[in-house]
Amino acid sequence: MSAEADASSSETSPPRCALCGRATPLTRHHLIPRTLHRKPRYRKRHDRDHLHTAVLMVCRPCHSHLHRTLSERELADHYASREALLSHPEIRTFVEWLADKPDGFVPKRRARRRGS
């Protein structure tokens, strides 16, 4: 297949989640959470362009799972890349489970436990 055919087929194919690979509407996941962009700790480590452009396009179920599983500081300090996110066992398990589901599938949220 030529490079032109590759480019045209990628333009017509639906966008895919960077984690589970499903073709579904995507959201922007900032690898360094936006709430931390003004913190001196992160301004020293990353230039302004990197803070704003370090983004993964992920589906809503994957995005929600990331934020349910990890705090914003954990995301920024240890999981600021696709590879790092996939190295987390709980995220890896969820992504592998979700990847087999149809494109429109949305998992049910687990009910929160109430304190007794």
N, C-alpha and C. Protein backbone atom coordinates (compact mmCIF):
# COMPACT_ATOMS: atom_id res chain seq x y z
N MET A 1 0.85 -1.17 0.00
CA MET A 1 0.00 0.00 0.00
C MET A 1 0.90 1.24 0.00
N SER A 2 0.56 2.24 -0.79
CA SER A 2 1.38 3.44 -0.89
C SER A 2 1.14 4.34 0.31
N ALA A 3 2.03 5.32 0.48
CA ALA A 3 1.89 6.27 1.58
C ALA A 3 0.62 7.09 1.41
N GLU A 4 0.27 7.40 0.15
CA GLU A 4 -0.95 8.17 -0.10
C GLU A 4 -2.18 7.38 0.32
N ALA A 5 -2.21 6.11 0.00
CA ALA A 5 -3.34 5.26 0.37
C ALA A 5 -3.43 5.14 1.89
N ASP A 6 -2.26 5.03 2.56
CA ASP A 6 -2.23 4.99 4.01
C ASP A 6 -2.84 6.25 4.62
N ALA A 7 -2.44 7.40 4.09
CA ALA A 7 -2.93 8.68 4.62
C ALA A 7 -4.43 8.82 4.40
N SER A 8 -4.91 8.45 3.22
CA SER A 8 -6.33 8.61 2.95
C SER A 8 -7.17 7.63 3.77
N SER A 9 -6.67 6.42 4.01
CA SER A 9 -7.45 5.48 4.81
C SER A 9 -7.49 5.90 6.27
N SER A 10 -6.42 6.55 6.77
CA SER A 10 -6.44 6.99 8.16
C SER A 10 -7.35 8.20 8.32
N GLU A 11 -7.53 8.99 7.26
CA GLU A 11 -8.42 10.14 7.32
C GLU A 11 -9.87 9.68 7.39
N THR A 12 -10.20 8.57 6.75
CA THR A 12 -11.58 8.11 6.72
C THR A 12 -11.91 7.17 7.87
N SER A 13 -10.91 6.60 8.51
CA SER A 13 -11.19 5.67 9.61
C SER A 13 -11.55 6.47 10.86
N PRO A 14 -12.46 5.94 11.68
CA PRO A 14 -12.85 6.67 12.89
C PRO A 14 -11.68 6.75 13.86
N PRO A 15 -11.66 7.78 14.69
CA PRO A 15 -10.57 7.88 15.67
C PRO A 15 -10.64 6.74 16.68
N ARG A 16 -9.50 6.33 17.17
CA ARG A 16 -9.43 5.21 18.10
C ARG A 16 -8.79 5.64 19.41
N CYS A 17 -9.28 5.06 20.48
CA CYS A 17 -8.75 5.34 21.82
C CYS A 17 -7.29 4.93 21.90
N ALA A 18 -6.45 5.79 22.48
CA ALA A 18 -5.02 5.50 22.60
C ALA A 18 -4.75 4.35 23.57
N LEU A 19 -5.71 4.00 24.41
CA LEU A 19 -5.49 2.92 25.36
C LEU A 19 -6.14 1.62 24.92
N CYS A 20 -7.45 1.63 24.68
CA CYS A 20 -8.14 0.37 24.37
C CYS A 20 -8.25 0.11 22.86
N GLY A 21 -8.04 1.13 22.04
CA GLY A 21 -8.05 0.95 20.60
C GLY A 21 -9.43 0.90 19.96
N ARG A 22 -10.49 1.14 20.73
CA ARG A 22 -11.83 1.10 20.15
C ARG A 22 -12.13 2.39 19.39
N ALA A 23 -12.91 2.26 18.31
CA ALA A 23 -13.35 3.42 17.52
C ALA A 23 -14.59 3.99 18.19
N THR A 24 -14.43 5.11 18.85
CA THR A 24 -15.51 5.70 19.63
C THR A 24 -15.19 7.17 19.86
N PRO A 25 -16.17 8.00 20.23
CA PRO A 25 -15.84 9.41 20.52
C PRO A 25 -14.76 9.50 21.59
N LEU A 26 -13.86 10.46 21.42
CA LEU A 26 -12.70 10.56 22.30
C LEU A 26 -12.71 11.83 23.13
N THR A 27 -12.02 11.78 24.25
CA THR A 27 -11.82 12.93 25.12
C THR A 27 -10.32 13.16 25.25
N ARG A 28 -9.95 14.36 25.68
CA ARG A 28 -8.54 14.70 25.86
C ARG A 28 -8.13 14.40 27.29
N HIS A 29 -7.13 13.56 27.45
CA HIS A 29 -6.57 13.30 28.78
C HIS A 29 -5.22 13.99 28.84
N HIS A 30 -5.11 15.03 29.68
CA HIS A 30 -3.83 15.72 29.85
C HIS A 30 -2.92 14.84 30.70
N LEU A 31 -1.77 14.52 30.18
CA LEU A 31 -0.84 13.65 30.91
C LEU A 31 -0.36 14.31 32.19
N ILE A 32 -0.21 15.64 32.17
CA ILE A 32 0.02 16.41 33.39
C ILE A 32 -1.32 17.12 33.63
N PRO A 33 -2.09 16.71 34.66
CA PRO A 33 -3.42 17.30 34.87
C PRO A 33 -3.40 18.82 34.90
N ARG A 34 -4.40 19.42 34.30
CA ARG A 34 -4.45 20.88 34.17
C ARG A 34 -4.44 21.59 35.52
N THR A 35 -4.99 20.97 36.54
CA THR A 35 -5.00 21.62 37.86
C THR A 35 -3.59 21.79 38.43
N LEU A 36 -2.62 21.07 37.88
CA LEU A 36 -1.24 21.14 38.37
C LEU A 36 -0.35 22.04 37.51
N HIS A 37 -0.86 22.56 36.41
CA HIS A 37 -0.04 23.35 35.48
C HIS A 37 0.58 24.59 36.14
N ARG A 38 -0.09 25.18 37.10
CA ARG A 38 0.43 26.40 37.74
C ARG A 38 1.33 26.11 38.95
N LYS A 39 1.41 24.89 39.35
CA LYS A 39 2.23 24.54 40.51
C LYS A 39 3.72 24.65 40.15
N PRO A 40 4.52 25.31 41.00
CA PRO A 40 5.95 25.49 40.70
C PRO A 40 6.67 24.17 40.43
N ARG A 41 6.29 23.14 41.14
CA ARG A 41 6.93 21.83 40.98
C ARG A 41 6.87 21.34 39.53
N TYR A 42 5.73 21.55 38.88
CA TYR A 42 5.55 21.07 37.50
C TYR A 42 6.03 22.09 36.48
N ARG A 43 6.01 23.37 36.83
CA ARG A 43 6.55 24.39 35.93
C ARG A 43 8.05 24.23 35.78
N LYS A 44 8.72 23.80 36.85
CA LYS A 44 10.17 23.58 36.78
C LYS A 44 10.52 22.38 35.92
N ARG A 45 9.70 21.34 36.00
CA ARG A 45 9.98 20.09 35.28
C ARG A 45 9.61 20.13 33.80
N HIS A 46 8.58 20.89 33.44
CA HIS A 46 8.05 20.87 32.08
C HIS A 46 7.89 22.28 31.55
N ASP A 47 8.23 22.46 30.28
CA ASP A 47 7.98 23.79 29.70
C ASP A 47 6.49 23.94 29.39
N ARG A 48 6.08 25.17 29.16
CA ARG A 48 4.67 25.49 28.98
C ARG A 48 4.04 24.71 27.82
N ASP A 49 4.76 24.63 26.71
CA ASP A 49 4.23 23.92 25.54
C ASP A 49 3.97 22.45 25.86
N HIS A 50 4.90 21.84 26.59
CA HIS A 50 4.72 20.43 26.93
C HIS A 50 3.49 20.23 27.83
N LEU A 51 3.31 21.12 28.79
CA LEU A 51 2.16 21.00 29.69
C LEU A 51 0.84 21.02 28.91
N HIS A 52 0.78 21.86 27.87
CA HIS A 52 -0.46 22.01 27.11
C HIS A 52 -0.63 20.99 25.99
N THR A 53 0.46 20.43 25.50
CA THR A 53 0.35 19.53 24.36
C THR A 53 0.50 18.05 24.72
N ALA A 54 0.90 17.75 25.94
CA ALA A 54 1.04 16.35 26.36
C ALA A 54 -0.35 15.81 26.66
N VAL A 55 -0.99 15.28 25.61
CA VAL A 55 -2.38 14.85 25.69
C VAL A 55 -2.52 13.49 25.02
N LEU A 56 -3.36 12.64 25.60
CA LEU A 56 -3.75 11.38 24.96
C LEU A 56 -5.23 11.47 24.64
N MET A 57 -5.61 11.04 23.46
CA MET A 57 -7.02 10.99 23.10
C MET A 57 -7.54 9.61 23.50
N VAL A 58 -8.43 9.60 24.47
CA VAL A 58 -8.95 8.34 25.02
C VAL A 58 -10.48 8.38 25.07
N CYS A 59 -11.08 7.21 25.09
CA CYS A 59 -12.55 7.13 25.18
C CYS A 59 -12.98 7.48 26.60
N ARG A 60 -14.24 7.81 26.77
CA ARG A 60 -14.77 8.21 28.08
C ARG A 60 -14.60 7.11 29.13
N PRO A 61 -14.88 5.83 28.83
CA PRO A 61 -14.67 4.81 29.88
C PRO A 61 -13.21 4.73 30.34
N CYS A 62 -12.26 4.78 29.42
CA CYS A 62 -10.85 4.73 29.81
C CYS A 62 -10.48 5.97 30.62
N HIS A 63 -10.94 7.13 30.17
CA HIS A 63 -10.63 8.39 30.85
C HIS A 63 -11.17 8.37 32.28
N SER A 64 -12.40 7.96 32.44
CA SER A 64 -13.00 7.89 33.78
C SER A 64 -12.24 6.92 34.67
N HIS A 65 -11.85 5.79 34.10
CA HIS A 65 -11.12 4.79 34.89
C HIS A 65 -9.77 5.33 35.36
N LEU A 66 -9.08 6.07 34.50
CA LEU A 66 -7.79 6.66 34.89
C LEU A 66 -7.95 7.53 36.13
N HIS A 67 -8.97 8.40 36.11
CA HIS A 67 -9.15 9.33 37.22
C HIS A 67 -9.75 8.68 38.46
N ARG A 68 -10.45 7.57 38.29
CA ARG A 68 -10.94 6.81 39.45
C ARG A 68 -9.80 6.05 40.13
N THR A 69 -8.82 5.65 39.33
CA THR A 69 -7.76 4.79 39.83
C THR A 69 -6.59 5.56 40.43
N LEU A 70 -6.22 6.68 39.81
CA LEU A 70 -5.02 7.41 40.21
C LEU A 70 -5.33 8.86 40.57
N SER A 71 -4.60 9.39 41.55
CA SER A 71 -4.75 10.80 41.90
C SER A 71 -4.05 11.65 40.83
N GLU A 72 -4.33 12.94 40.85
CA GLU A 72 -3.70 13.82 39.86
C GLU A 72 -2.19 13.86 40.04
N ARG A 73 -1.73 13.86 41.27
CA ARG A 73 -0.27 13.85 41.50
C ARG A 73 0.36 12.55 41.02
N GLU A 74 -0.30 11.43 41.24
CA GLU A 74 0.22 10.15 40.75
C GLU A 74 0.30 10.18 39.22
N LEU A 75 -0.76 10.70 38.60
CA LEU A 75 -0.76 10.79 37.13
C LEU A 75 0.42 11.63 36.65
N ALA A 76 0.63 12.79 37.25
CA ALA A 76 1.69 13.69 36.82
C ALA A 76 3.09 13.16 37.13
N ASP A 77 3.25 12.58 38.30
CA ASP A 77 4.60 12.17 38.74
C ASP A 77 5.05 10.82 38.19
N HIS A 78 4.10 9.88 38.00
CA HIS A 78 4.52 8.52 37.64
C HIS A 78 3.88 7.97 36.37
N TYR A 79 2.78 8.57 35.92
CA TYR A 79 2.04 7.99 34.80
C TYR A 79 1.78 9.02 33.70
N ALA A 80 2.81 9.75 33.32
CA ALA A 80 2.67 10.84 32.34
C ALA A 80 2.99 10.39 30.91
N SER A 81 2.75 9.13 30.62
CA SER A 81 2.90 8.64 29.24
C SER A 81 1.94 7.46 29.04
N ARG A 82 1.68 7.15 27.80
CA ARG A 82 0.81 6.02 27.48
C ARG A 82 1.39 4.72 28.04
N GLU A 83 2.69 4.54 27.85
CA GLU A 83 3.36 3.32 28.31
C GLU A 83 3.29 3.18 29.83
N ALA A 84 3.49 4.31 30.53
CA ALA A 84 3.43 4.27 32.00
C ALA A 84 2.02 3.94 32.46
N LEU A 85 1.01 4.53 31.83
CA LEU A 85 -0.37 4.22 32.20
C LEU A 85 -0.66 2.74 32.01
N LEU A 86 -0.21 2.19 30.89
CA LEU A 86 -0.47 0.77 30.62
C LEU A 86 0.35 -0.16 31.51
N SER A 87 1.37 0.37 32.17
CA SER A 87 2.16 -0.46 33.09
C SER A 87 1.46 -0.63 34.44
N HIS A 88 0.48 0.20 34.74
CA HIS A 88 -0.26 0.09 36.00
C HIS A 88 -1.19 -1.13 35.89
N PRO A 89 -1.09 -2.09 36.82
CA PRO A 89 -1.85 -3.34 36.68
C PRO A 89 -3.37 -3.15 36.59
N GLU A 90 -3.94 -2.26 37.38
CA GLU A 90 -5.39 -2.06 37.36
C GLU A 90 -5.86 -1.42 36.05
N ILE A 91 -5.08 -0.50 35.55
CA ILE A 91 -5.42 0.15 34.28
C ILE A 91 -5.25 -0.83 33.13
N ARG A 92 -4.16 -1.58 33.14
CA ARG A 92 -3.90 -2.58 32.10
C ARG A 92 -5.04 -3.60 32.04
N THR A 93 -5.49 -4.09 33.19
CA THR A 93 -6.57 -5.08 33.24
C THR A 93 -7.86 -4.50 32.66
N PHE A 94 -8.20 -3.26 33.05
CA PHE A 94 -9.41 -2.62 32.55
C PHE A 94 -9.34 -2.42 31.04
N VAL A 95 -8.22 -1.92 30.54
CA VAL A 95 -8.06 -1.65 29.11
C VAL A 95 -8.15 -2.94 28.30
N GLU A 96 -7.52 -4.00 28.78
CA GLU A 96 -7.59 -5.28 28.07
C GLU A 96 -9.02 -5.82 28.06
N TRP A 97 -9.75 -5.66 29.15
CA TRP A 97 -11.14 -6.09 29.22
C TRP A 97 -12.00 -5.27 28.26
N LEU A 98 -11.81 -3.96 28.25
CA LEU A 98 -12.62 -3.07 27.43
C LEU A 98 -12.33 -3.22 25.94
N ALA A 99 -11.11 -3.55 25.59
CA ALA A 99 -10.71 -3.65 24.18
C ALA A 99 -11.53 -4.68 23.41
N ASP A 100 -12.04 -5.70 24.08
CA ASP A 100 -12.83 -6.75 23.43
C ASP A 100 -14.30 -6.38 23.25
N LYS A 101 -14.71 -5.27 23.85
CA LYS A 101 -16.12 -4.86 23.78
C LYS A 101 -16.40 -4.10 22.48
N PRO A 102 -17.66 -4.09 22.03
CA PRO A 102 -18.01 -3.34 20.82
C PRO A 102 -17.74 -1.85 21.00
N ASP A 103 -17.58 -1.15 19.86
CA ASP A 103 -17.22 0.26 19.90
C ASP A 103 -18.17 1.13 20.72
N GLY A 104 -19.46 0.88 20.70
CA GLY A 104 -20.41 1.72 21.42
C GLY A 104 -20.64 1.32 22.87
N PHE A 105 -19.99 0.25 23.32
CA PHE A 105 -20.19 -0.26 24.67
C PHE A 105 -19.71 0.73 25.73
N VAL A 106 -20.56 0.95 26.75
CA VAL A 106 -20.19 1.78 27.90
C VAL A 106 -20.40 0.93 29.14
N PRO A 107 -19.34 0.68 29.91
CA PRO A 107 -19.50 -0.17 31.10
C PRO A 107 -20.35 0.51 32.16
N LYS A 108 -21.05 -0.32 32.93
CA LYS A 108 -21.83 0.20 34.05
C LYS A 108 -20.87 0.60 35.15
N ARG A 109 -21.20 1.68 35.81
CA ARG A 109 -20.37 2.11 36.93
C ARG A 109 -20.71 1.29 38.15
N ARG A 110 -19.71 0.95 38.91
CA ARG A 110 -19.94 0.23 40.16
C ARG A 110 -20.57 1.18 41.17
N ALA A 111 -21.52 0.66 41.91
CA ALA A 111 -22.16 1.48 42.96
C ALA A 111 -21.13 1.77 44.05
N ARG A 112 -21.17 2.97 44.56
CA ARG A 112 -20.26 3.32 45.66
C ARG A 112 -20.77 2.67 46.95
N ARG A 113 -19.83 2.26 47.75
CA ARG A 113 -20.18 1.69 49.04
C ARG A 113 -20.48 2.83 50.01
N ARG A 114 -21.53 2.66 50.75
CA ARG A 114 -21.88 3.67 51.75
C ARG A 114 -21.36 3.22 53.10
N GLY A 115 -20.85 4.17 53.85
CA GLY A 115 -20.36 3.86 55.19
C GLY A 115 -21.51 3.46 56.10
N SER A 116 -21.29 2.47 56.95
CA SER A 116 -22.36 1.99 57.85
C SER A 116 -22.40 2.77 59.11
